[in-house]
N, C-alpha and C. Protein backbone atom coordinates (compact mmCIF):
# COMPACT_ATOMS: atom_id res chain seq x y z
N MET A 1 141.04 -51.82 40.90
CA MET A 1 140.71 -52.44 39.61
C MET A 1 141.06 -53.93 39.67
N ASP A 2 140.10 -54.76 39.29
CA ASP A 2 140.35 -56.21 39.35
C ASP A 2 141.17 -56.68 38.16
N ASN A 3 141.66 -57.89 38.25
CA ASN A 3 142.57 -58.41 37.23
C ASN A 3 141.93 -58.51 35.85
N LEU A 4 140.66 -58.86 35.79
CA LEU A 4 139.99 -59.01 34.50
C LEU A 4 139.91 -57.67 33.78
N THR A 5 139.57 -56.62 34.53
CA THR A 5 139.51 -55.27 33.96
C THR A 5 140.87 -54.85 33.47
N LYS A 6 141.88 -55.16 34.26
CA LYS A 6 143.26 -54.81 33.90
C LYS A 6 143.66 -55.54 32.62
N LEU A 7 143.29 -56.82 32.54
CA LEU A 7 143.62 -57.63 31.37
C LEU A 7 142.95 -57.08 30.12
N LYS A 8 141.68 -56.71 30.26
CA LYS A 8 140.95 -56.15 29.11
C LYS A 8 141.60 -54.87 28.63
N ALA A 9 142.01 -54.03 29.56
CA ALA A 9 142.67 -52.77 29.20
C ALA A 9 143.97 -53.04 28.45
N GLU A 10 144.73 -54.04 28.91
CA GLU A 10 145.98 -54.40 28.23
C GLU A 10 145.69 -54.91 26.82
N LEU A 11 144.69 -55.77 26.69
CA LEU A 11 144.37 -56.36 25.39
C LEU A 11 143.93 -55.31 24.39
N GLU A 12 143.23 -54.28 24.86
CA GLU A 12 142.76 -53.23 23.95
C GLU A 12 143.91 -52.41 23.39
N ARG A 13 145.06 -52.44 24.07
CA ARG A 13 146.22 -51.70 23.59
C ARG A 13 147.02 -52.48 22.55
N LEU A 14 146.77 -53.79 22.47
CA LEU A 14 147.52 -54.63 21.54
C LEU A 14 147.04 -54.43 20.10
N SER A 15 147.94 -54.65 19.18
CA SER A 15 147.58 -54.63 17.76
C SER A 15 146.88 -55.94 17.40
N PRO A 16 146.15 -55.96 16.29
CA PRO A 16 145.48 -57.20 15.87
C PRO A 16 146.44 -58.38 15.76
N ALA A 17 147.65 -58.15 15.27
CA ALA A 17 148.62 -59.23 15.15
C ALA A 17 148.99 -59.78 16.53
N ASP A 18 149.20 -58.87 17.48
CA ASP A 18 149.50 -59.29 18.85
C ASP A 18 148.34 -60.09 19.43
N LEU A 19 147.13 -59.62 19.13
CA LEU A 19 145.94 -60.27 19.65
C LEU A 19 145.84 -61.71 19.14
N ARG A 20 146.14 -61.91 17.85
CA ARG A 20 146.12 -63.26 17.29
C ARG A 20 147.13 -64.15 18.00
N LEU A 21 148.29 -63.60 18.29
CA LEU A 21 149.33 -64.35 18.97
C LEU A 21 148.87 -64.76 20.36
N VAL A 22 148.24 -63.84 21.06
CA VAL A 22 147.72 -64.11 22.40
C VAL A 22 146.65 -65.20 22.34
N LEU A 23 145.78 -65.12 21.35
CA LEU A 23 144.72 -66.12 21.22
C LEU A 23 145.29 -67.50 20.93
N LYS A 24 146.30 -67.56 20.07
CA LYS A 24 146.95 -68.84 19.77
C LYS A 24 147.58 -69.41 21.03
N PHE A 25 148.21 -68.56 21.82
CA PHE A 25 148.84 -68.99 23.05
C PHE A 25 147.79 -69.50 24.04
N ALA A 26 146.67 -68.80 24.11
CA ALA A 26 145.58 -69.22 25.01
C ALA A 26 145.03 -70.59 24.59
N GLU A 27 144.88 -70.79 23.28
CA GLU A 27 144.41 -72.09 22.79
C GLU A 27 145.40 -73.19 23.12
N PHE A 28 146.68 -72.87 22.97
CA PHE A 28 147.73 -73.83 23.30
C PHE A 28 147.67 -74.22 24.77
N LEU A 29 147.48 -73.22 25.64
CA LEU A 29 147.40 -73.51 27.07
C LEU A 29 146.16 -74.34 27.39
N ALA A 30 145.07 -74.06 26.70
CA ALA A 30 143.82 -74.77 26.95
C ALA A 30 143.93 -76.25 26.58
N GLN A 31 144.81 -76.56 25.64
CA GLN A 31 144.98 -77.95 25.20
C GLN A 31 145.83 -78.76 26.17
N GLU A 32 146.62 -78.10 26.98
CA GLU A 32 147.51 -78.80 27.90
C GLU A 32 146.72 -79.64 28.90
């Protein structure tokens, strides 16, 4: 299983609140 598939599987287990947190973190990293 490749990393992207693994990541998607992990994300699907997260709650919506966790997902928002991850998205905010991703946006923060993208701005660096």
